[in-house]
Amino acid sequence: MRKAFSLIFLVPLAIVLVLLSVANRAPTQFSLDPLNSQAPALAFELPLFVLLFLALMLGLVIGSFLTWTRQGKYRRALREKSYEASQLQREKETDVKSGSNIKSAEIAPGLPLISQS
């Protein structure tokens, strides 16, 4: 399954990324100063494909973080339910060991209890 995934998705993606980086290797100025475009205070000159890859990676990190924070309530609910289930399991085990969970009224209400000795 993993080999099929890599052949169908990752190999064409790698080919496209290599072609993109070869086609866009000319240096491009990236300026963080919107007021002075002639002589910006903070500017970088990098190949365009580097800027594109950095933007892609930044988008992945931001999207992953937002998804993780939105799913927090579900993780919290899962922790609470897991804790509750473990508590109930422990209570059940202690009841079975002590034999206090078997009462005549619980087994068959209205019927006489037959001793098992």
Protein backbone atom coordinates (compact mmCIF):
# COMPACT_ATOMS: atom_id res chain seq x y z
CA MET A 1 0.00 0.00 0.00
CA ARG A 2 2.81 2.40 0.84
CA LYS A 3 4.64 1.60 -2.38
CA ALA A 4 1.50 2.27 -4.38
CA PHE A 5 1.03 5.58 -2.56
CA SER A 6 4.58 6.65 -3.25
CA LEU A 7 4.39 5.64 -6.89
CA ILE A 8 1.05 7.32 -7.51
CA PHE A 9 1.52 10.50 -5.50
CA LEU A 10 5.05 11.16 -4.30
CA VAL A 11 7.00 10.37 -7.47
CA PRO A 12 4.97 12.74 -9.71
CA LEU A 13 5.11 15.38 -6.96
CA ALA A 14 8.90 15.08 -6.79
CA ILE A 15 9.14 15.40 -10.58
CA VAL A 16 6.97 18.53 -10.57
CA LEU A 17 9.00 20.08 -7.74
CA VAL A 18 12.29 19.42 -9.53
CA LEU A 19 10.92 20.92 -12.74
CA LEU A 20 9.61 23.93 -10.83
CA SER A 21 12.95 24.54 -9.16
CA VAL A 22 14.91 24.20 -12.42
CA ALA A 23 12.55 26.59 -14.23
CA ASN A 24 12.58 29.22 -11.44
CA ARG A 25 16.18 29.46 -10.35
CA ALA A 26 16.61 33.14 -11.29
CA PRO A 27 17.23 35.35 -8.25
CA THR A 28 14.19 37.28 -7.07
CA GLN A 29 14.08 40.13 -4.59
CA PHE A 30 11.79 39.56 -1.63
CA SER A 31 11.14 42.79 0.24
CA LEU A 32 9.54 43.22 3.64
CA ASP A 33 9.38 47.03 3.31
CA PRO A 34 6.13 48.05 1.58
CA LEU A 35 6.83 51.81 1.73
CA ASN A 36 10.21 51.98 -0.01
CA SER A 37 10.36 49.72 -3.06
CA GLN A 38 13.51 51.30 -4.54
CA ALA A 39 15.80 50.78 -1.55
CA PRO A 40 14.00 48.55 0.95
CA ALA A 41 15.29 48.36 4.50
CA LEU A 42 14.83 44.60 4.69
CA ALA A 43 15.13 42.58 1.50
CA PHE A 44 16.38 39.16 0.46
CA GLU A 45 17.49 38.00 -2.94
CA LEU A 46 16.81 34.30 -3.35
CA PRO A 47 15.84 32.01 -6.19
CA LEU A 48 12.07 31.98 -6.72
CA PHE A 49 11.74 28.25 -6.04
CA VAL A 50 13.26 28.74 -2.56
CA LEU A 51 10.64 31.38 -1.79
CA LEU A 52 7.89 29.11 -3.09
CA PHE A 53 9.10 26.17 -0.98
CA LEU A 54 9.37 28.37 2.11
CA ALA A 55 5.82 29.64 1.56
CA LEU A 56 4.59 26.06 1.15
CA MET A 57 6.33 24.90 4.33
CA LEU A 58 5.02 27.90 6.29
CA GLY A 59 1.49 27.13 5.08
CA LEU A 60 1.82 23.50 6.15
CA VAL A 61 3.06 24.47 9.62
CA ILE A 62 0.31 27.06 10.15
CA GLY A 63 -2.39 24.71 8.85
CA SER A 64 -1.17 21.84 11.03
CA PHE A 65 -1.11 24.07 14.10
CA LEU A 66 -4.63 25.37 13.46
CA THR A 67 -5.95 21.83 12.92
CA TRP A 68 -4.26 20.63 16.11
CA THR A 69 -5.76 23.47 18.17
CA ARG A 70 -9.25 22.95 16.74
CA GLN A 71 -9.16 19.25 17.62
CA GLY A 72 -8.22 19.98 21.24
CA LYS A 73 -11.77 19.60 22.52
CA TYR A 74 -11.99 16.12 20.99
CA ARG A 75 -8.68 15.06 22.54
CA ARG A 76 -9.84 16.39 25.91
CA ALA A 77 -13.15 14.49 25.66
CA LEU A 78 -11.25 11.32 24.72
CA ARG A 79 -8.98 11.69 27.76
CA GLU A 80 -11.97 12.18 30.05
CA LYS A 81 -13.85 9.17 28.63
CA SER A 82 -10.73 7.03 28.83
CA TYR A 83 -10.23 8.00 32.48
CA GLU A 84 -13.89 7.26 33.22
CA ALA A 85 -13.67 3.86 31.50
CA SER A 86 -10.56 2.92 33.48
CA GLN A 87 -12.28 3.96 36.72
CA LEU A 88 -15.31 1.80 35.88
CA GLN A 89 -13.04 -1.12 34.96
CA ARG A 90 -11.26 -0.85 38.31
CA GLU A 91 -14.58 -0.69 40.17
CA LYS A 92 -15.81 -3.76 38.31
CA GLU A 93 -12.65 -5.71 39.14
CA THR A 94 -12.87 -4.84 42.83
CA ASP A 95 -16.58 -5.77 42.92
CA VAL A 96 -15.90 -9.13 41.29
CA LYS A 97 -13.07 -9.89 43.74
CA SER A 98 -15.15 -9.03 46.78
CA GLY A 99 -18.31 -10.74 45.49
CA SER A 100 -20.50 -7.80 46.42
CA ASN A 101 -22.01 -7.45 42.98
CA ILE A 102 -24.04 -10.69 43.21
CA LYS A 103 -27.28 -10.06 45.08
CA SER A 104 -30.45 -12.08 44.88
CA ALA A 105 -32.54 -9.07 43.90
CA GLU A 106 -30.22 -8.25 41.02
CA ILE A 107 -30.12 -11.78 39.59
CA ALA A 108 -33.84 -12.52 39.36
CA PRO A 109 -36.18 -10.20 41.20
CA GLY A 110 -39.27 -11.95 42.53
CA LEU A 111 -37.79 -15.46 42.37
CA PRO A 112 -36.48 -17.34 45.38
CA LEU A 113 -32.71 -17.64 45.69
CA ILE A 114 -31.42 -21.22 45.29
CA SER A 115 -28.23 -21.91 47.17
CA GLN A 116 -25.42 -23.29 45.08
CA SER A 117 -23.79 -25.49 47.72
